N, C-alpha and C. Protein backbone atom coordinates (compact mmCIF):
# COMPACT_ATOMS: atom_id res chain seq x y z
N MET A 1 21.32 18.60 -35.00
CA MET A 1 21.26 16.83 -35.23
C MET A 1 21.63 15.89 -34.51
N ARG A 2 22.69 15.92 -34.55
CA ARG A 2 23.82 14.79 -33.79
C ARG A 2 23.79 15.01 -32.15
N LEU A 3 23.37 16.13 -31.60
CA LEU A 3 22.60 17.06 -29.88
C LEU A 3 21.38 15.95 -29.90
N THR A 4 20.59 16.46 -31.06
CA THR A 4 18.97 15.84 -30.46
C THR A 4 19.38 13.93 -30.26
N ILE A 5 19.94 13.79 -31.42
CA ILE A 5 20.73 12.13 -31.51
C ILE A 5 20.52 11.87 -29.84
N LEU A 6 21.99 12.57 -29.43
CA LEU A 6 21.73 11.88 -28.38
C LEU A 6 21.78 12.21 -27.15
N ALA A 7 20.62 13.07 -27.36
CA ALA A 7 19.85 13.88 -26.09
C ALA A 7 18.69 12.63 -25.90
N LEU A 8 18.32 12.25 -27.39
CA LEU A 8 17.41 11.07 -27.15
C LEU A 8 18.12 9.92 -26.79
N PHE A 9 19.33 9.32 -26.59
CA PHE A 9 20.15 8.09 -26.88
C PHE A 9 20.38 7.93 -25.14
N GLY A 10 20.73 9.81 -24.30
CA GLY A 10 20.94 9.09 -23.36
C GLY A 10 19.08 9.41 -22.50
N THR A 11 18.49 9.64 -22.59
CA THR A 11 17.02 9.34 -22.60
C THR A 11 16.48 7.88 -22.52
N LEU A 12 16.65 6.96 -23.65
CA LEU A 12 16.42 6.21 -23.86
C LEU A 12 17.27 5.11 -22.35
N CYS A 13 18.34 5.43 -22.54
CA CYS A 13 19.22 4.73 -21.63
C CYS A 13 19.30 4.73 -19.98
N THR A 14 18.48 5.81 -19.57
CA THR A 14 18.14 6.15 -18.35
C THR A 14 16.99 5.06 -18.17
N ALA A 15 16.04 4.99 -19.58
CA ALA A 15 15.32 3.93 -18.83
C ALA A 15 15.46 2.76 -18.84
N CYS A 16 16.77 2.45 -18.72
CA CYS A 16 16.39 0.90 -19.12
C CYS A 16 17.31 0.66 -17.55
N ILE A 17 17.95 1.43 -17.41
CA ILE A 17 18.69 1.62 -15.69
C ILE A 17 17.43 0.65 -14.16
N PRO A 18 17.28 0.08 -14.22
CA PRO A 18 16.97 -0.40 -13.43
C PRO A 18 16.69 -0.22 -11.96
N ALA A 19 15.50 0.14 -11.29
CA ALA A 19 14.90 1.03 -10.33
C ALA A 19 15.26 0.46 -9.02
N THR A 20 16.20 0.80 -7.70
CA THR A 20 16.40 0.28 -6.84
C THR A 20 15.12 0.17 -5.84
N PRO A 21 14.72 -0.97 -5.15
CA PRO A 21 13.67 -1.17 -4.83
C PRO A 21 13.56 -0.02 -3.30
N ILE A 22 11.85 0.19 -3.08
CA ILE A 22 11.70 0.78 -1.68
C ILE A 22 11.82 0.00 -0.68
N ILE A 23 12.48 0.47 0.27
CA ILE A 23 12.71 -0.04 1.64
C ILE A 23 12.10 0.94 2.40
N GLU A 24 10.82 0.21 3.28
CA GLU A 24 10.56 1.15 4.39
C GLU A 24 10.48 0.70 5.73
N PRO A 25 10.42 1.86 6.28
CA PRO A 25 10.66 0.97 7.85
C PRO A 25 9.70 0.14 7.84
N PRO A 26 9.31 -1.28 9.15
CA PRO A 26 8.51 -1.60 9.31
C PRO A 26 7.88 -0.93 10.38
N VAL A 27 6.02 -1.97 10.22
CA VAL A 27 5.07 -0.64 11.07
C VAL A 27 5.30 -1.34 12.70
N ALA A 28 5.29 -0.79 13.65
CA ALA A 28 5.29 -0.45 15.07
C ALA A 28 4.08 -1.93 15.63
N ASN A 29 2.52 -0.62 15.07
CA ASN A 29 1.43 -2.04 15.26
C ASN A 29 0.95 -2.34 14.31
N PRO A 30 1.23 -3.71 12.84
CA PRO A 30 0.36 -3.52 11.89
C PRO A 30 -1.27 -3.70 12.16
N ILE A 31 -1.56 -4.20 13.27
CA ILE A 31 -2.92 -4.62 13.61
C ILE A 31 -3.57 -4.04 14.40
N PRO A 32 -4.55 -4.00 14.93
CA PRO A 32 -5.13 -3.57 16.24
C PRO A 32 -5.31 -4.54 16.91
N THR A 33 -5.34 -4.45 18.72
CA THR A 33 -5.42 -5.90 19.03
C THR A 33 -6.57 -5.11 20.44
N GLY A 34 -6.95 -6.25 20.68
CA GLY A 34 -8.08 -6.22 21.89
C GLY A 34 -8.84 -5.17 21.98
N ILE A 35 -9.38 -4.36 22.20
CA ILE A 35 -10.14 -3.37 22.45
C ILE A 35 -10.90 -3.06 21.24
N ASP A 36 -8.88 -2.10 20.81
CA ASP A 36 -8.93 -1.51 19.81
C ASP A 36 -9.53 -2.45 18.25
N ASP A 37 -9.32 -3.39 18.27
CA ASP A 37 -9.91 -4.29 17.03
C ASP A 37 -11.44 -4.15 16.84
N THR A 38 -12.18 -3.08 16.27
CA THR A 38 -13.50 -3.16 16.75
C THR A 38 -14.28 -3.56 15.05
N CYS A 39 -12.88 -3.82 14.38
CA CYS A 39 -13.51 -4.54 13.16
C CYS A 39 -13.24 -5.87 12.61
N GLY A 40 -12.52 -6.47 13.54
CA GLY A 40 -12.22 -7.51 13.33
C GLY A 40 -10.49 -7.64 12.26
N ALA A 41 -9.76 -7.35 12.42
CA ALA A 41 -8.90 -7.15 11.67
C ALA A 41 -8.07 -7.77 12.09
N ALA A 42 -7.56 -8.67 13.18
CA ALA A 42 -6.85 -9.68 13.34
C ALA A 42 -7.00 -11.03 12.48
N ARG A 43 -8.29 -11.05 11.97
CA ARG A 43 -8.86 -12.20 11.28
C ARG A 43 -7.75 -12.30 9.81
N TYR A 44 -6.76 -10.90 9.30
CA TYR A 44 -6.65 -10.72 8.23
C TYR A 44 -4.89 -10.54 8.26
N SER A 45 -4.66 -10.57 9.65
CA SER A 45 -3.04 -10.70 10.22
C SER A 45 -2.12 -11.23 8.78
N GLY A 46 -2.77 -12.63 8.67
CA GLY A 46 -2.03 -13.15 7.21
C GLY A 46 -1.77 -12.51 6.27
N ILE A 47 -2.66 -11.31 5.13
CA ILE A 47 -1.97 -10.73 4.38
C ILE A 47 -1.26 -9.85 4.26
N ILE A 48 -0.61 -9.03 5.99
CA ILE A 48 0.01 -7.92 6.01
C ILE A 48 1.61 -8.44 5.46
N GLY A 49 2.06 -7.69 3.97
CA GLY A 49 3.65 -8.18 3.57
C GLY A 49 2.67 -8.61 2.57
N GLN A 50 1.83 -9.12 2.16
CA GLN A 50 1.84 -9.62 0.98
C GLN A 50 0.89 -7.97 0.24
N ASP A 51 1.24 -8.30 -1.47
CA ASP A 51 1.27 -7.22 -2.98
C ASP A 51 -0.32 -7.14 -2.60
N ALA A 52 -0.91 -6.08 -2.60
CA ALA A 52 -1.80 -5.49 -2.37
C ALA A 52 -2.83 -6.12 -3.23
N PHE A 53 -2.53 -6.69 -4.18
CA PHE A 53 -3.58 -7.22 -5.97
C PHE A 53 -4.37 -8.79 -4.41
N VAL A 54 -3.99 -9.21 -3.39
CA VAL A 54 -4.58 -9.90 -2.77
C VAL A 54 -6.61 -9.18 -2.48
N LEU A 55 -6.15 -8.10 -2.28
CA LEU A 55 -7.30 -7.08 -2.22
C LEU A 55 -8.63 -6.79 -3.46
N GLU A 56 -7.65 -7.31 -4.10
CA GLU A 56 -8.97 -6.86 -5.87
C GLU A 56 -8.59 -8.06 -6.46
N ARG A 57 -8.98 -9.59 -6.06
CA ARG A 57 -9.17 -10.70 -6.67
C ARG A 57 -10.36 -11.21 -5.38
N GLY A 58 -11.53 -10.74 -5.10
CA GLY A 58 -12.60 -10.40 -5.00
C GLY A 58 -12.89 -10.66 -3.27
N PHE A 59 -11.85 -10.04 -2.90
CA PHE A 59 -11.71 -9.56 -1.37
C PHE A 59 -12.32 -8.98 -0.79
N ARG A 60 -13.22 -9.61 -0.47
CA ARG A 60 -14.60 -8.12 0.37
C ARG A 60 -14.97 -8.45 1.73
N PRO A 61 -14.40 -8.36 2.61
CA PRO A 61 -15.11 -8.26 4.02
C PRO A 61 -16.12 -8.06 4.48
N GLY A 62 -16.31 -6.26 3.89
CA GLY A 62 -17.98 -5.94 3.84
C GLY A 62 -16.89 -4.55 3.67
N GLU A 63 -17.35 -3.23 4.75
CA GLU A 63 -16.68 -1.96 4.68
C GLU A 63 -14.82 -2.08 5.02
N ILE A 64 -14.57 -2.04 3.39
CA ILE A 64 -13.24 -1.24 3.40
C ILE A 64 -12.63 0.35 3.59
N ARG A 65 -11.57 0.42 3.49
CA ARG A 65 -11.35 1.49 2.53
C ARG A 65 -9.49 1.27 2.84
N ILE A 66 -9.04 1.43 1.11
CA ILE A 66 -7.85 0.76 0.92
C ILE A 66 -7.02 2.36 0.93
N ILE A 67 -5.96 2.46 1.36
CA ILE A 67 -5.20 3.55 1.30
C ILE A 67 -3.82 4.26 0.73
N ARG A 68 -3.41 4.52 -0.48
CA ARG A 68 -2.37 4.03 -1.44
C ARG A 68 -2.11 5.59 -0.35
N PRO A 69 -0.11 5.30 -0.59
CA PRO A 69 0.59 6.52 -0.55
C PRO A 69 0.13 7.53 -1.52
N GLY A 70 0.28 8.90 -0.69
CA GLY A 70 -0.50 9.89 -1.03
C GLY A 70 -1.28 10.40 -1.29
N THR A 71 -2.38 9.53 -1.11
CA THR A 71 -3.65 9.16 -1.29
C THR A 71 -4.55 10.32 0.08
N VAL A 72 -5.08 11.23 -0.38
CA VAL A 72 -6.54 11.92 1.23
C VAL A 72 -6.94 10.69 1.23
N ALA A 73 -6.85 10.87 2.76
CA ALA A 73 -7.83 9.67 3.03
C ALA A 73 -8.84 11.02 4.54
N SER A 74 -10.19 10.78 3.81
CA SER A 74 -11.02 11.29 5.15
C SER A 74 -11.10 10.85 6.55
N GLN A 75 -10.98 11.86 7.64
CA GLN A 75 -10.66 11.37 8.78
C GLN A 75 -11.90 11.29 9.42
N GLU A 76 -13.35 10.96 9.40
CA GLU A 76 -14.89 10.02 9.78
C GLU A 76 -14.27 8.72 9.96
N TYR A 77 -15.39 7.92 11.65
CA TYR A 77 -14.31 7.26 11.79
C TYR A 77 -15.50 6.11 12.00
N HIS A 78 -15.16 5.17 11.42
CA HIS A 78 -16.30 3.65 10.91
C HIS A 78 -16.08 2.81 11.99
N PRO A 79 -16.90 2.31 12.99
CA PRO A 79 -15.60 1.21 13.97
C PRO A 79 -15.66 -0.11 12.96
N ASP A 80 -16.69 -0.55 12.07
CA ASP A 80 -16.59 -1.60 11.62
C ASP A 80 -15.79 -1.62 10.04
N ARG A 81 -15.26 -0.49 9.87
CA ARG A 81 -14.90 -0.14 8.41
C ARG A 81 -13.08 -0.56 8.76
N LEU A 82 -12.59 -2.12 8.08
CA LEU A 82 -11.15 -2.10 8.12
C LEU A 82 -10.64 -0.84 6.39
N GLY A 83 -9.36 -1.04 6.87
CA GLY A 83 -8.71 0.46 6.72
C GLY A 83 -7.43 -0.80 6.03
N PHE A 84 -6.85 -0.40 5.01
CA PHE A 84 -5.41 -1.43 4.65
C PHE A 84 -4.67 0.12 4.16
N GLU A 85 -3.68 0.02 4.98
CA GLU A 85 -2.67 0.54 4.79
C GLU A 85 -1.87 0.22 3.23
N ILE A 86 -1.61 0.56 2.52
CA ILE A 86 -0.23 0.29 0.87
C ILE A 86 0.86 0.90 1.23
N GLY A 87 1.84 -0.15 0.90
CA GLY A 87 3.39 0.87 0.95
C GLY A 87 3.43 1.10 -0.50
N ALA A 88 4.35 2.06 -0.57
CA ALA A 88 5.92 2.32 -1.44
C ALA A 88 5.40 1.44 -2.88
N ASN A 89 5.92 0.18 -1.43
CA ASN A 89 6.54 -0.76 -3.40
C ASN A 89 5.16 -2.25 -2.76
N ASN A 90 4.15 -1.70 -3.16
CA ASN A 90 2.57 -1.59 -3.24
C ASN A 90 2.40 -3.29 -2.30
N THR A 91 2.51 -3.02 -1.17
CA THR A 91 2.46 -4.26 -0.50
C THR A 91 1.41 -3.71 0.69
N ILE A 92 0.71 -4.68 1.50
CA ILE A 92 0.05 -4.09 2.53
C ILE A 92 0.89 -3.45 3.85
N ARG A 93 0.79 -3.25 4.44
CA ARG A 93 1.89 -2.08 5.62
C ARG A 93 0.96 -2.72 6.25
N ARG A 94 0.03 -2.42 7.38
CA ARG A 94 -1.29 -1.59 7.98
C ARG A 94 -2.54 -2.29 7.86
N ILE A 95 -3.21 -2.78 8.77
CA ILE A 95 -4.25 -3.16 8.76
C ILE A 95 -4.88 -2.37 9.87
N ILE A 96 -6.21 -1.04 9.55
CA ILE A 96 -6.35 -0.14 11.10
C ILE A 96 -8.07 -0.88 10.83
N CYS A 97 -9.27 -0.21 11.49
CA CYS A 97 -9.75 -0.05 12.06
C CYS A 97 -10.79 1.72 12.24
N GLY A 98 -11.76 1.89 11.09
CA GLY A 98 -12.28 3.55 11.50
C GLY A 98 -12.35 3.41 10.26
């Protein structure tokens, strides 16, 4: 009984420890440029680094794809489609066309 109480207390204490923030390396090319910008991604460069919540607040410029960590994404290419890569800390890391 005493062991059960100690195990429960230990579990509860570990839940109280704050998680360390996830630090991701910067993305080399966060938006497509020039002829690679077939979807107009440069217009949305201002939201890179913001919380992904901005995409859920009525932000729908057309066909988009949101790619979260661990998400399986299909490989078909749609040049007009905006793709938003979301980092592990739930911020927009990169915008891609296709």
